[in-house]
Amino acid sequence: MKISIPKDCDNAPKKRIIKDFVVSIFQHHWQEAEQIIEPDFKFIRVGKDIIEEKEALKKHFSEVPEIKELMIEEILTHGKFGACNGAIKLKNQIIHFAYFIEFKSAGKNTITKITEYQI
């Protein structure tokens, strides 16, 4: 899988964490992803459902067909919040995404809530 990310992703710890989380879930590197999320996380799929178990999160991302390219366009952070947007290229389709992320606190670098938008 080809990966494109903004050059300034590593200039702030939370930006790096968001980048690492998104790359990990799309590459199915579950051990890395699990270290970033809190045990009582919520993954809200807008218009669909809420995932609150790590196994269900794995299943959700395992169902994505083979990804040819992951493109992260922007990553923003402020206090205990962050967001990123981008797209994944599949064989015959492009899926655009945005993730709005809440960390445990401004000083803690683990994720408690993710809201996913997809087009």
PDB file of N, CA and C in Angstrom:
ATOM      1  N   MET A   1       0.849  -1.171   0.000  1.00  0.00           N
ATOM      2  CA  MET A   1       0.000   0.000   0.000  1.00  0.00           C
ATOM      3  C   MET A   1       0.896   1.236   0.000  1.00  0.00           C
ATOM      4  N   LYS A   2       0.593   2.152  -0.897  1.00  0.00           N
ATOM      5  CA  LYS A   2       1.293   3.438  -0.918  1.00  0.00           C
ATOM      6  C   LYS A   2       0.661   4.337   0.145  1.00  0.00           C
ATOM      7  N   ILE A   3       1.490   5.080   0.882  1.00  0.00           N
ATOM      8  CA  ILE A   3       0.991   5.970   1.933  1.00  0.00           C
ATOM      9  C   ILE A   3       1.510   7.374   1.684  1.00  0.00           C
ATOM     10  N   SER A   4       0.581   8.342   1.653  1.00  0.00           N
ATOM     11  CA  SER A   4       0.922   9.762   1.518  1.00  0.00           C
ATOM     12  C   SER A   4       0.443  10.484   2.766  1.00  0.00           C
ATOM     13  N   ILE A   5       1.344  11.210   3.423  1.00  0.00           N
ATOM     14  CA  ILE A   5       0.979  11.940   4.637  1.00  0.00           C
ATOM     15  C   ILE A   5       1.576  13.348   4.575  1.00  0.00           C
ATOM     16  N   PRO A   6       0.969  14.300   5.296  1.00  0.00           N
ATOM     17  CA  PRO A   6       1.537  15.653   5.337  1.00  0.00           C
ATOM     18  C   PRO A   6       2.933  15.631   5.954  1.00  0.00           C
ATOM     19  N   LYS A   7       3.787  16.507   5.495  1.00  0.00           N
ATOM     20  CA  LYS A   7       5.177  16.547   5.977  1.00  0.00           C
ATOM     21  C   LYS A   7       5.284  17.011   7.427  1.00  0.00           C
ATOM     22  N   ASP A   8       4.299  17.771   7.916  1.00  0.00           N
ATOM     23  CA  ASP A   8       4.392  18.305   9.277  1.00  0.00           C
ATOM     24  C   ASP A   8       3.736  17.410  10.328  1.00  0.00           C
ATOM     25  N   CYS A   9       3.470  16.160  10.020  1.00  0.00           N
ATOM     26  CA  CYS A   9       2.789  15.263  10.957  1.00  0.00           C
ATOM     27  C   CYS A   9       3.574  14.989  12.230  1.00  0.00           C
ATOM     28  N   ASP A  10       4.865  15.076  12.178  1.00  0.00           N
ATOM     29  CA  ASP A  10       5.657  14.716  13.342  1.00  0.00           C
ATOM     30  C   ASP A  10       6.072  15.911  14.196  1.00  0.00           C
ATOM     31  N   ASN A  11       5.516  17.089  13.909  1.00  0.00           N
ATOM     32  CA  ASN A  11       5.936  18.255  14.690  1.00  0.00           C
ATOM     33  C   ASN A  11       5.134  18.440  15.980  1.00  0.00           C
ATOM     34  N   ALA A  12       4.128  17.618  16.205  1.00  0.00           N
ATOM     35  CA  ALA A  12       3.346  17.679  17.438  1.00  0.00           C
ATOM     36  C   ALA A  12       2.975  16.249  17.830  1.00  0.00           C
ATOM     37  N   PRO A  13       3.094  15.891  19.098  1.00  0.00           N
ATOM     38  CA  PRO A  13       2.836  14.506  19.514  1.00  0.00           C
ATOM     39  C   PRO A  13       1.457  13.974  19.106  1.00  0.00           C
ATOM     40  N   LYS A  14       0.415  14.765  19.283  1.00  0.00           N
ATOM     41  CA  LYS A  14      -0.931  14.281  18.954  1.00  0.00           C
ATOM     42  C   LYS A  14      -1.110  14.103  17.445  1.00  0.00           C
ATOM     43  N   LYS A  15      -0.480  14.937  16.635  1.00  0.00           N
ATOM     44  CA  LYS A  15      -0.529  14.736  15.181  1.00  0.00           C
ATOM     45  C   LYS A  15       0.109  13.405  14.819  1.00  0.00           C
ATOM     46  N   ARG A  16       1.233  13.101  15.424  1.00  0.00           N
ATOM     47  CA  ARG A  16       1.931  11.840  15.170  1.00  0.00           C
ATOM     48  C   ARG A  16       1.062  10.658  15.594  1.00  0.00           C
ATOM     49  N   ILE A  17       0.391  10.781  16.728  1.00  0.00           N
ATOM     50  CA  ILE A  17      -0.466   9.708  17.225  1.00  0.00           C
ATOM     51  C   ILE A  17      -1.632   9.471  16.276  1.00  0.00           C
ATOM     52  N   ILE A  18      -2.254  10.540  15.808  1.00  0.00           N
ATOM     53  CA  ILE A  18      -3.359  10.401  14.851  1.00  0.00           C
ATOM     54  C   ILE A  18      -2.860   9.722  13.574  1.00  0.00           C
ATOM     55  N   LYS A  19      -1.737  10.182  13.059  1.00  0.00           N
ATOM     56  CA  LYS A  19      -1.160   9.579  11.854  1.00  0.00           C
ATOM     57  C   LYS A  19      -0.881   8.101  12.091  1.00  0.00           C
ATOM     58  N   ASP A  20      -0.229   7.775  13.200  1.00  0.00           N
ATOM     59  CA  ASP A  20       0.101   6.387  13.499  1.00  0.00           C
ATOM     60  C   ASP A  20      -1.148   5.520  13.627  1.00  0.00           C
ATOM     61  N   PHE A  21      -2.189   6.066  14.255  1.00  0.00           N
ATOM     62  CA  PHE A  21      -3.427   5.299  14.430  1.00  0.00           C
ATOM     63  C   PHE A  21      -4.078   5.017  13.077  1.00  0.00           C
ATOM     64  N   VAL A  22      -4.229   6.032  12.251  1.00  0.00           N
ATOM     65  CA  VAL A  22      -4.892   5.854  10.953  1.00  0.00           C
ATOM     66  C   VAL A  22      -4.107   4.877  10.076  1.00  0.00           C
ATOM     67  N   VAL A  23      -2.804   5.032  10.022  1.00  0.00           N
ATOM     68  CA  VAL A  23      -1.983   4.112   9.232  1.00  0.00           C
ATOM     69  C   VAL A  23      -2.106   2.695   9.786  1.00  0.00           C
ATOM     70  N   SER A  24      -2.064   2.541  11.101  1.00  0.00           N
ATOM     71  CA  SER A  24      -2.148   1.212  11.724  1.00  0.00           C
ATOM     72  C   SER A  24      -3.456   0.505  11.408  1.00  0.00           C
ATOM     73  N   ILE A  25      -4.572   1.210  11.494  1.00  0.00           N
ATOM     74  CA  ILE A  25      -5.854   0.529  11.261  1.00  0.00           C
ATOM     75  C   ILE A  25      -6.019   0.125   9.801  1.00  0.00           C
ATOM     76  N   PHE A  26      -5.545   0.953   8.880  1.00  0.00           N
ATOM     77  CA  PHE A  26      -5.688   0.591   7.472  1.00  0.00           C
ATOM     78  C   PHE A  26      -4.671  -0.468   7.043  1.00  0.00           C
ATOM     79  N   GLN A  27      -3.550  -0.580   7.751  1.00  0.00           N
ATOM     80  CA  GLN A  27      -2.577  -1.632   7.459  1.00  0.00           C
ATOM     81  C   GLN A  27      -2.849  -2.898   8.276  1.00  0.00           C
ATOM     82  N   HIS A  28      -3.859  -2.854   9.134  1.00  0.00           N
ATOM     83  CA  HIS A  28      -4.240  -3.980   9.991  1.00  0.00           C
ATOM     84  C   HIS A  28      -3.137  -4.330  10.989  1.00  0.00           C
ATOM     85  N   HIS A  29      -2.455  -3.323  11.474  1.00  0.00           N
ATOM     86  CA  HIS A  29      -1.461  -3.505  12.537  1.00  0.00           C
ATOM     87  C   HIS A  29      -2.176  -3.273  13.864  1.00  0.00           C
ATOM     88  N   TRP A  30      -2.933  -4.292  14.277  1.00  0.00           N
ATOM     89  CA  TRP A  30      -3.839  -4.144  15.406  1.00  0.00           C
ATOM     90  C   TRP A  30      -3.124  -3.881  16.719  1.00  0.00           C
ATOM     91  N   GLN A  31      -1.975  -4.496  16.935  1.00  0.00           N
ATOM     92  CA  GLN A  31      -1.269  -4.309  18.207  1.00  0.00           C
ATOM     93  C   GLN A  31      -0.885  -2.837  18.391  1.00  0.00           C
ATOM     94  N   GLU A  32      -0.429  -2.195  17.322  1.00  0.00           N
ATOM     95  CA  GLU A  32      -0.080  -0.775  17.392  1.00  0.00           C
ATOM     96  C   GLU A  32      -1.320   0.074  17.648  1.00  0.00           C
ATOM     97  N   ALA A  33      -2.403  -0.222  16.944  1.00  0.00           N
ATOM     98  CA  ALA A  33      -3.640   0.550  17.105  1.00  0.00           C
ATOM     99  C   ALA A  33      -4.196   0.412  18.512  1.00  0.00           C
ATOM    100  N   GLU A  34      -4.164  -0.797  19.057  1.00  0.00           N
ATOM    101  CA  GLU A  34      -4.711  -1.033  20.397  1.00  0.00           C
ATOM    102  C   GLU A  34      -3.954  -0.275  21.480  1.00  0.00           C
ATOM    103  N   GLN A  35      -2.685   0.001  21.282  1.00  0.00           N
ATOM    104  CA  GLN A  35      -1.902   0.748  22.258  1.00  0.00           C
ATOM    105  C   GLN A  35      -2.294   2.222  22.287  1.00  0.00           C
ATOM    106  N   ILE A  36      -2.923   2.690  21.217  1.00  0.00           N
ATOM    107  CA  ILE A  36      -3.265   4.104  21.103  1.00  0.00           C
ATOM    108  C   ILE A  36      -4.655   4.401  21.656  1.00  0.00           C
ATOM    109  N   ILE A  37      -5.552   3.397  21.670  1.00  0.00           N
ATOM    110  CA  ILE A  37      -6.915   3.639  22.136  1.00  0.00           C
ATOM    111  C   ILE A  37      -7.114   3.158  23.573  1.00  0.00           C
ATOM    112  N   GLU A  38      -7.966   3.869  24.282  1.00  0.00           N
ATOM    113  CA  GLU A  38      -8.322   3.506  25.646  1.00  0.00           C
ATOM    114  C   GLU A  38      -9.198   2.251  25.631  1.00  0.00           C
ATOM    115  N   PRO A  39      -9.191   1.469  26.707  1.00  0.00           N
ATOM    116  CA  PRO A  39     -10.040   0.273  26.760  1.00  0.00           C
ATOM    117  C   PRO A  39     -11.536   0.586  26.600  1.00  0.00           C
ATOM    118  N   ASP A  40     -11.980   1.750  27.062  1.00  0.00           N
ATOM    119  CA  ASP A  40     -13.405   2.111  26.982  1.00  0.00           C
ATOM    120  C   ASP A  40     -13.670   3.129  25.864  1.00  0.00           C
ATOM    121  N   PHE A  41     -13.023   2.948  24.720  1.00  0.00           N
ATOM    122  CA  PHE A  41     -13.177   3.868  23.588  1.00  0.00           C
ATOM    123  C   PHE A  41     -14.552   3.733  22.937  1.00  0.00           C
ATOM    124  N   LYS A  42     -14.895   4.743  22.143  1.00  0.00           N
ATOM    125  CA  LYS A  42     -16.084   4.690  21.282  1.00  0.00           C
ATOM    126  C   LYS A  42     -15.648   5.079  19.879  1.00  0.00           C
ATOM    127  N   PHE A  43     -16.070   4.289  18.902  1.00  0.00           N
ATOM    128  CA  PHE A  43     -15.811   4.562  17.493  1.00  0.00           C
ATOM    129  C   PHE A  43     -17.176   4.743  16.852  1.00  0.00           C
ATOM    130  N   ILE A  44     -17.533   5.993  16.586  1.00  0.00           N
ATOM    131  CA  ILE A  44     -18.863   6.324  16.085  1.00  0.00           C
ATOM    132  C   ILE A  44     -18.824   6.405  14.564  1.00  0.00           C
ATOM    133  N   ARG A  45     -19.561   5.530  13.911  1.00  0.00           N
ATOM    134  CA  ARG A  45     -19.677   5.546  12.451  1.00  0.00           C
ATOM    135  C   ARG A  45     -20.957   6.316  12.128  1.00  0.00           C
ATOM    136  N   VAL A  46     -20.812   7.580  11.755  1.00  0.00           N
ATOM    137  CA  VAL A  46     -21.951   8.464  11.566  1.00  0.00           C
ATOM    138  C   VAL A  46     -22.929   7.857  10.563  1.00  0.00           C
ATOM    139  N   GLY A  47     -24.184   7.787  10.983  1.00  0.00           N
ATOM    140  CA  GLY A  47     -25.233   7.224  10.146  1.00  0.00           C
ATOM    141  C   GLY A  47     -25.288   5.707  10.157  1.00  0.00           C
ATOM    142  N   LYS A  48     -24.409   5.063  10.944  1.00  0.00           N
ATOM    143  CA  LYS A  48     -24.369   3.600  10.941  1.00  0.00           C
ATOM    144  C   LYS A  48     -24.491   3.040  12.348  1.00  0.00           C
ATOM    145  N   ASP A  49     -23.397   3.011  13.103  1.00  0.00           N
ATOM    146  CA  ASP A  49     -23.423   2.400  14.420  1.00  0.00           C
ATOM    147  C   ASP A  49     -22.282   2.930  15.281  1.00  0.00           C
ATOM    148  N   ILE A  50     -22.192   2.394  16.484  1.00  0.00           N
ATOM    149  CA  ILE A  50     -21.113   2.739  17.408  1.00  0.00           C
ATOM    150  C   ILE A  50     -20.391   1.448  17.773  1.00  0.00           C
ATOM    151  N   ILE A  51     -19.080   1.467  17.633  1.00  0.00           N
ATOM    152  CA  ILE A  51     -18.243   0.323  17.981  1.00  0.00           C
ATOM    153  C   ILE A  51     -17.571   0.624  19.315  1.00  0.00           C
ATOM    154  N   GLU A  52     -17.688  -0.315  20.269  1.00  0.00           N
ATOM    155  CA  GLU A  52     -17.094  -0.109  21.588  1.00  0.00           C
ATOM    156  C   GLU A  52     -16.197  -1.262  22.016  1.00  0.00           C
ATOM    157  N   GLU A  53     -15.923  -2.186  21.100  1.00  0.00           N
ATOM    158  CA  GLU A  53     -15.062  -3.319  21.413  1.00  0.00           C
ATOM    159  C   GLU A  53     -13.950  -3.414  20.384  1.00  0.00           C
ATOM    160  N   LYS A  54     -12.756  -3.744  20.833  1.00  0.00           N
ATOM    161  CA  LYS A  54     -11.601  -3.802  19.933  1.00  0.00           C
ATOM    162  C   LYS A  54     -11.784  -4.842  18.837  1.00  0.00           C
ATOM    163  N   GLU A  55     -12.393  -5.971  19.145  1.00  0.00           N
ATOM    164  CA  GLU A  55     -12.612  -7.002  18.125  1.00  0.00           C
ATOM    165  C   GLU A  55     -13.558  -6.506  17.040  1.00  0.00           C
ATOM    166  N   ALA A  56     -14.574  -5.755  17.424  1.00  0.00           N
ATOM    167  CA  ALA A  56     -15.512  -5.199  16.442  1.00  0.00           C
ATOM    168  C   ALA A  56     -14.818  -4.142  15.577  1.00  0.00           C
ATOM    169  N   LEU A  57     -13.902  -3.386  16.165  1.00  0.00           N
ATOM    170  CA  LEU A  57     -13.142  -2.400  15.396  1.00  0.00           C
ATOM    171  C   LEU A  57     -12.248  -3.109  14.378  1.00  0.00           C
ATOM    172  N   LYS A  58     -11.596  -4.182  14.797  1.00  0.00           N
ATOM    173  CA  LYS A  58     -10.778  -4.984  13.875  1.00  0.00           C
ATOM    174  C   LYS A  58     -11.629  -5.501  12.720  1.00  0.00           C
ATOM    175  N   LYS A  59     -12.807  -6.008  13.037  1.00  0.00           N
ATOM    176  CA  LYS A  59     -13.700  -6.554  12.010  1.00  0.00           C
ATOM    177  C   LYS A  59     -14.092  -5.467  11.014  1.00  0.00           C
ATOM    178  N   HIS A  60     -14.416  -4.285  11.522  1.00  0.00           N
ATOM    179  CA  HIS A  60     -14.811  -3.165  10.662  1.00  0.00           C
ATOM    180  C   HIS A  60     -13.718  -2.861   9.636  1.00  0.00           C
ATOM    181  N   PHE A  61     -12.474  -2.743  10.079  1.00  0.00           N
ATOM    182  CA  PHE A  61     -11.389  -2.393   9.160  1.00  0.00           C
ATOM    183  C   PHE A  61     -10.899  -3.594   8.352  1.00  0.00           C
ATOM    184  N   SER A  62     -11.137  -4.802   8.835  1.00  0.00           N
ATOM    185  CA  SER A  62     -10.764  -5.997   8.068  1.00  0.00           C
ATOM    186  C   SER A  62     -11.670  -6.188   6.855  1.00  0.00           C
ATOM    187  N   GLU A  63     -12.855  -5.616   6.900  1.00  0.00           N
ATOM    188  CA  GLU A  63     -13.812  -5.754   5.797  1.00  0.00           C
ATOM    189  C   GLU A  63     -13.515  -4.820   4.626  1.00  0.00           C
ATOM    190  N   VAL A  64     -12.592  -3.879   4.801  1.00  0.00           N
ATOM    191  CA  VAL A  64     -12.221  -2.974   3.710  1.00  0.00           C
ATOM    192  C   VAL A  64     -11.436  -3.776   2.677  1.00  0.00           C
ATOM    193  N   PRO A  65     -11.848  -3.706   1.384  1.00  0.00           N
ATOM    194  CA  PRO A  65     -11.090  -4.429   0.353  1.00  0.00           C
ATOM    195  C   PRO A  65      -9.644  -3.938   0.283  1.00  0.00           C
ATOM    196  N   GLU A  66      -8.824  -4.622  -0.495  1.00  0.00           N
ATOM    197  CA  GLU A  66      -7.404  -4.280  -0.590  1.00  0.00           C
ATOM    198  C   GLU A  66      -7.226  -2.801  -0.943  1.00  0.00           C
ATOM    199  N   ILE A  67      -6.440  -2.117  -0.125  1.00  0.00           N
ATOM    200  CA  ILE A  67      -6.190  -0.690  -0.310  1.00  0.00           C
ATOM    201  C   ILE A  67      -4.924  -0.516  -1.145  1.00  0.00           C
ATOM    202  N   LYS A  68      -5.056   0.237  -2.217  1.00  0.00           N
ATOM    203  CA  LYS A  68      -3.907   0.525  -3.072  1.00  0.00           C
ATOM    204  C   LYS A  68      -3.111   1.712  -2.532  1.00  0.00           C
ATOM    205  N   GLU A  69      -3.849   2.714  -2.004  1.00  0.00           N
ATOM    206  CA  GLU A  69      -3.182   3.919  -1.505  1.00  0.00           C
ATOM    207  C   GLU A  69      -3.983   4.526  -0.368  1.00  0.00           C
ATOM    208  N   LEU A  70      -3.271   4.975   0.664  1.00  0.00           N
ATOM    209  CA  LEU A  70      -3.839   5.721   1.783  1.00  0.00           C
ATOM    210  C   LEU A  70      -3.273   7.131   1.701  1.00  0.00           C
ATOM    211  N   MET A  71      -4.170   8.099   1.611  1.00  0.00           N
ATOM    212  CA  MET A  71      -3.746   9.502   1.532  1.00  0.00           C
ATOM    213  C   MET A  71      -4.339  10.262   2.709  1.00  0.00           C
ATOM    214  N   ILE A  72      -3.486  10.737   3.599  1.00  0.00           N
ATOM    215  CA  ILE A  72      -3.924  11.604   4.690  1.00  0.00           C
ATOM    216  C   ILE A  72      -3.625  13.022   4.234  1.00  0.00           C
ATOM    217  N   GLU A  73      -4.662  13.840   4.138  1.00  0.00           N
ATOM    218  CA  GLU A  73      -4.512  15.208   3.619  1.00  0.00           C
ATOM    219  C   GLU A  73      -4.073  16.203   4.690  1.00  0.00           C
ATOM    220  N   GLU A  74      -4.830  16.253   5.780  1.00  0.00           N
ATOM    221  CA  GLU A  74      -4.522  17.189   6.870  1.00  0.00           C
ATOM    222  C   GLU A  74      -4.737  16.516   8.208  1.00  0.00           C
ATOM    223  N   ILE A  75      -3.970  16.964   9.187  1.00  0.00           N
ATOM    224  CA  ILE A  75      -4.164  16.564  10.575  1.00  0.00           C
ATOM    225  C   ILE A  75      -4.103  17.832  11.414  1.00  0.00           C
ATOM    226  N   LEU A  76      -5.128  18.020  12.244  1.00  0.00           N
ATOM    227  CA  LEU A  76      -5.204  19.185  13.122  1.00  0.00           C
ATOM    228  C   LEU A  76      -5.358  18.715  14.560  1.00  0.00           C
ATOM    229  N   THR A  77      -4.783  19.448  15.494  1.00  0.00           N
ATOM    230  CA  THR A  77      -4.974  19.140  16.912  1.00  0.00           C
ATOM    231  C   THR A  77      -5.118  20.434  17.702  1.00  0.00           C
ATOM    232  N   HIS A  78      -5.862  20.338  18.799  1.00  0.00           N
ATOM    233  CA  HIS A  78      -5.988  21.463  19.724  1.00  0.00           C
ATOM    234  C   HIS A  78      -6.442  20.895  21.063  1.00  0.00           C
ATOM    235  N   GLY A  79      -5.610  21.054  22.076  1.00  0.00           N
ATOM    236  CA  GLY A  79      -5.958  20.542  23.403  1.00  0.00           C
ATOM    237  C   GLY A  79      -6.151  19.037  23.367  1.00  0.00           C
ATOM    238  N   LYS A  80      -7.325  18.584  23.808  1.00  0.00           N
ATOM    239  CA  LYS A  80      -7.580  17.141  23.818  1.00  0.00           C
ATOM    240  C   LYS A  80      -8.314  16.655  22.569  1.00  0.00           C
ATOM    241  N   PHE A  81      -8.382  17.502  21.540  1.00  0.00           N
ATOM    242  CA  PHE A  81      -9.092  17.137  20.317  1.00  0.00           C
ATOM    243  C   PHE A  81      -8.168  17.121  19.107  1.00  0.00           C
ATOM    244  N   GLY A  82      -8.543  16.327  18.127  1.00  0.00           N
ATOM    245  CA  GLY A  82      -7.793  16.266  16.884  1.00  0.00           C
ATOM    246  C   GLY A  82      -8.715  15.834  15.762  1.00  0.00           C
ATOM    247  N   ALA A  83      -8.253  16.002  14.535  1.00  0.00           N
ATOM    248  CA  ALA A  83      -9.027  15.590  13.368  1.00  0.00           C
ATOM    249  C   ALA A  83      -8.083  15.339  12.211  1.00  0.00           C
ATOM    250  N   CYS A  84      -8.522  14.492  11.314  1.00  0.00           N
ATOM    251  CA  CYS A  84      -7.769  14.287  10.083  1.00  0.00           C
ATOM    252  C   CYS A  84      -8.747  13.929   8.985  1.00  0.00           C
ATOM    253  N   ASN A  85      -8.326  14.174   7.763  1.00  0.00           N
ATOM    254  CA  ASN A  85      -9.138  13.784   6.621  1.00  0.00           C
ATOM    255  C   ASN A  85      -8.223  13.255   5.539  1.00  0.00           C
ATOM    256  N   GLY A  86      -8.818  12.496   4.627  1.00  0.00           N
ATOM    257  CA  GLY A  86      -8.048  11.926   3.534  1.00  0.00           C
ATOM    258  C   GLY A  86      -8.903  10.985   2.732  1.00  0.00           C
ATOM    259  N   ALA A  87      -8.251  10.034   2.073  1.00  0.00           N
ATOM    260  CA  ALA A  87      -8.966   9.081   1.229  1.00  0.00           C
ATOM    261  C   ALA A  87      -8.165   7.794   1.126  1.00  0.00           C
ATOM    262  N   ILE A  88      -8.879   6.735   0.792  1.00  0.00           N
ATOM    263  CA  ILE A  88      -8.228   5.477   0.448  1.00  0.00           C
ATOM    264  C   ILE A  88      -8.630   5.129  -0.976  1.00  0.00           C
ATOM    265  N   LYS A  89      -7.660   4.677  -1.735  1.00  0.00           N
ATOM    266  CA  LYS A  89      -7.922   4.226  -3.102  1.00  0.00           C
ATOM    267  C   LYS A  89      -7.975   2.710  -3.096  1.00  0.00           C
ATOM    268  N   LEU A  90      -9.100   2.199  -3.581  1.00  0.00           N
ATOM    269  CA  LEU A  90      -9.257   0.773  -3.771  1.00  0.00           C
ATOM    270  C   LEU A  90      -9.065   0.481  -5.259  1.00  0.00           C
ATOM    271  N   LYS A  91      -9.302  -0.726  -5.671  1.00  0.00           N
ATOM    272  CA  LYS A  91      -9.104  -1.087  -7.077  1.00  0.00           C
ATOM    273  C   LYS A  91      -9.938  -0.202  -8.009  1.00  0.00           C
ATOM    274  N   ASN A  92     -11.234  -0.057  -7.712  1.00  0.00           N
ATOM    275  CA  ASN A  92     -12.134   0.695  -8.592  1.00  0.00           C
ATOM    276  C   ASN A  92     -12.922   1.773  -7.853  1.00  0.00           C
ATOM    277  N   GLN A  93     -12.402   2.249  -6.744  1.00  0.00           N
ATOM    278  CA  GLN A  93     -13.175   3.173  -5.924  1.00  0.00           C
ATOM    279  C   GLN A  93     -12.246   4.022  -5.063  1.00  0.00           C
ATOM    280  N   ILE A  94     -12.687   5.238  -4.772  1.00  0.00           N
ATOM    281  CA  ILE A  94     -12.000   6.098  -3.806  1.00  0.00           C
ATOM    282  C   ILE A  94     -13.000   6.394  -2.689  1.00  0.00           C
ATOM    283  N   ILE A  95     -12.586   6.161  -1.452  1.00  0.00           N
ATOM    284  CA  ILE A  95     -13.422   6.454  -0.287  1.00  0.00           C
ATOM    285  C   ILE A  95     -12.762   7.591   0.478  1.00  0.00           C
ATOM    286  N   HIS A  96     -13.485   8.688   0.633  1.00  0.00           N
ATOM    287  CA  HIS A  96     -12.996   9.832   1.396  1.00  0.00           C
ATOM    288  C   HIS A  96     -13.429   9.662   2.849  1.00  0.00           C
ATOM    289  N   PHE A  97     -12.565  10.083   3.772  1.00  0.00           N
ATOM    290  CA  PHE A  97     -12.877   9.929   5.190  1.00  0.00           C
ATOM    291  C   PHE A  97     -12.473  11.176   5.965  1.00  0.00           C
ATOM    292  N   ALA A  98     -13.100  11.321   7.112  1.00  0.00           N
ATOM    293  CA  ALA A  98     -12.694  12.316   8.107  1.00  0.00           C
ATOM    294  C   ALA A  98     -12.884  11.666   9.470  1.00  0.00           C
ATOM    295  N   TYR A  99     -11.902  11.851  10.346  1.00  0.00           N
ATOM    296  CA  TYR A  99     -11.969  11.343  11.711  1.00  0.00           C
ATOM    297  C   TYR A  99     -11.842  12.519  12.669  1.00  0.00           C
ATOM    298  N   PHE A 100     -12.785  12.613  13.592  1.00  0.00           N
ATOM    299  CA  PHE A 100     -12.719  13.592  14.670  1.00  0.00           C
ATOM    300  C   PHE A 100     -12.399  12.798  15.928  1.00  0.00           C
ATOM    301  N   ILE A 101     -11.344  13.195  16.601  1.00  0.00           N
ATOM    302  CA  ILE A 101     -10.757  12.383  17.667  1.00  0.00           C
ATOM    303  C   ILE A 101     -10.720  13.145  18.981  1.00  0.00           C
ATOM    304  N   GLU A 102     -11.085  12.439  20.059  1.00  0.00           N
ATOM    305  CA  GLU A 102     -10.975  12.998  21.400  1.00  0.00           C
ATOM    306  C   GLU A 102      -9.975  12.149  22.175  1.00  0.00           C
ATOM    307  N   PHE A 103      -8.978  12.811  22.735  1.00  0.00           N
ATOM    308  CA  PHE A 103      -7.994  12.144  23.578  1.00  0.00           C
ATOM    309  C   PHE A 103      -8.492  12.139  25.016  1.00  0.00           C
ATOM    310  N   LYS A 104      -7.900  11.311  25.848  1.00  0.00           N
ATOM    311  CA  LYS A 104      -8.301  11.221  27.259  1.00  0.00           C
ATOM    312  C   LYS A 104      -8.227  12.589  27.935  1.00  0.00           C
ATOM    313  N   SER A 105      -7.175  13.348  27.640  1.00  0.00           N
ATOM    314  CA  SER A 105      -7.040  14.713  28.147  1.00  0.00           C
ATOM    315  C   SER A 105      -6.015  15.426  27.278  1.00  0.00           C
ATOM    316  N   ALA A 106      -5.839  16.718  27.527  1.00  0.00           N
ATOM    317  CA  ALA A 106      -4.852  17.476  26.753  1.00  0.00           C
ATOM    318  C   ALA A 106      -3.439  16.943  26.988  1.00  0.00           C
ATOM    319  N   GLY A 107      -3.197  16.372  28.171  1.00  0.00           N
ATOM    320  CA  GLY A 107      -1.866  15.868  28.492  1.00  0.00           C
ATOM    321  C   GLY A 107      -1.696  14.373  28.270  1.00  0.00           C
ATOM    322  N   LYS A 108      -2.780  13.667  28.001  1.00  0.00           N
ATOM    323  CA  LYS A 108      -2.720  12.205  27.821  1.00  0.00           C
ATOM    324  C   LYS A 108      -2.895  11.885  26.341  1.00  0.00           C
ATOM    325  N   ASN A 109      -2.047  11.024  25.818  1.00  0.00           N
ATOM    326  CA  ASN A 109      -2.019  10.767  24.382  1.00  0.00           C
ATOM    327  C   ASN A 109      -2.694   9.466  23.959  1.00  0.00           C
ATOM    328  N   THR A 110      -3.774   9.085  24.639  1.00  0.00           N
ATOM    329  CA  THR A 110      -4.548   7.931  24.207  1.00  0.00           C
ATOM    330  C   THR A 110      -5.951   8.404  23.807  1.00  0.00           C
ATOM    331  N   ILE A 111      -6.534   7.693  22.867  1.00  0.00           N
ATOM    332  CA  ILE A 111      -7.798   8.102  22.256  1.00  0.00           C
ATOM    333  C   ILE A 111      -8.975   7.467  22.991  1.00  0.00           C
ATOM    334  N   THR A 112      -9.994   8.295  23.286  1.00  0.00           N
ATOM    335  CA  THR A 112     -11.204   7.787  23.935  1.00  0.00           C
ATOM    336  C   THR A 112     -12.395   7.743  22.973  1.00  0.00           C
ATOM    337  N   LYS A 113     -12.415   8.636  21.969  1.00  0.00           N
ATOM    338  CA  LYS A 113     -13.560   8.668  21.059  1.00  0.00           C
ATOM    339  C   LYS A 113     -13.103   9.069  19.661  1.00  0.00           C
ATOM    340  N   ILE A 114     -13.641   8.361  18.674  1.00  0.00           N
ATOM    341  CA  ILE A 114     -13.377   8.662  17.269  1.00  0.00           C
ATOM    342  C   ILE A 114     -14.722   8.719  16.570  1.00  0.00           C
ATOM    343  N   THR A 115     -14.948   9.783  15.815  1.00  0.00           N
ATOM    344  CA  THR A 115     -16.139   9.885  15.002  1.00  0.00           C
ATOM    345  C   THR A 115     -15.694   9.808  13.542  1.00  0.00           C
ATOM    346  N   GLU A 116     -16.256   8.852  12.815  1.00  0.00           N
ATOM    347  CA  GLU A 116     -15.859   8.601  11.426  1.00  0.00           C
ATOM    348  C   GLU A 116     -16.946   9.062  10.459  1.00  0.00           C
ATOM    349  N   TYR A 117     -16.540   9.845   9.468  1.00  0.00           N
ATOM    350  CA  TYR A 117     -17.399  10.220   8.352  1.00  0.00           C
ATOM    351  C   TYR A 117     -16.776   9.633   7.091  1.00  0.00           C
ATOM    352  N   GLN A 118     -17.589   9.001   6.246  1.00  0.00           N
ATOM    353  CA  GLN A 118     -17.084   8.444   4.994  1.00  0.00           C
ATOM    354  C   GLN A 118     -18.011   8.799   3.849  1.00  0.00           C
ATOM    355  N   ILE A 119     -17.380   9.056   2.690  1.00  0.00           N
ATOM    356  CA  ILE A 119     -18.130   9.306   1.450  1.00  0.00           C
ATOM    357  C   ILE A 119     -17.546   8.401   0.391  1.00  0.00           C
TER     358      ILE A 119
END
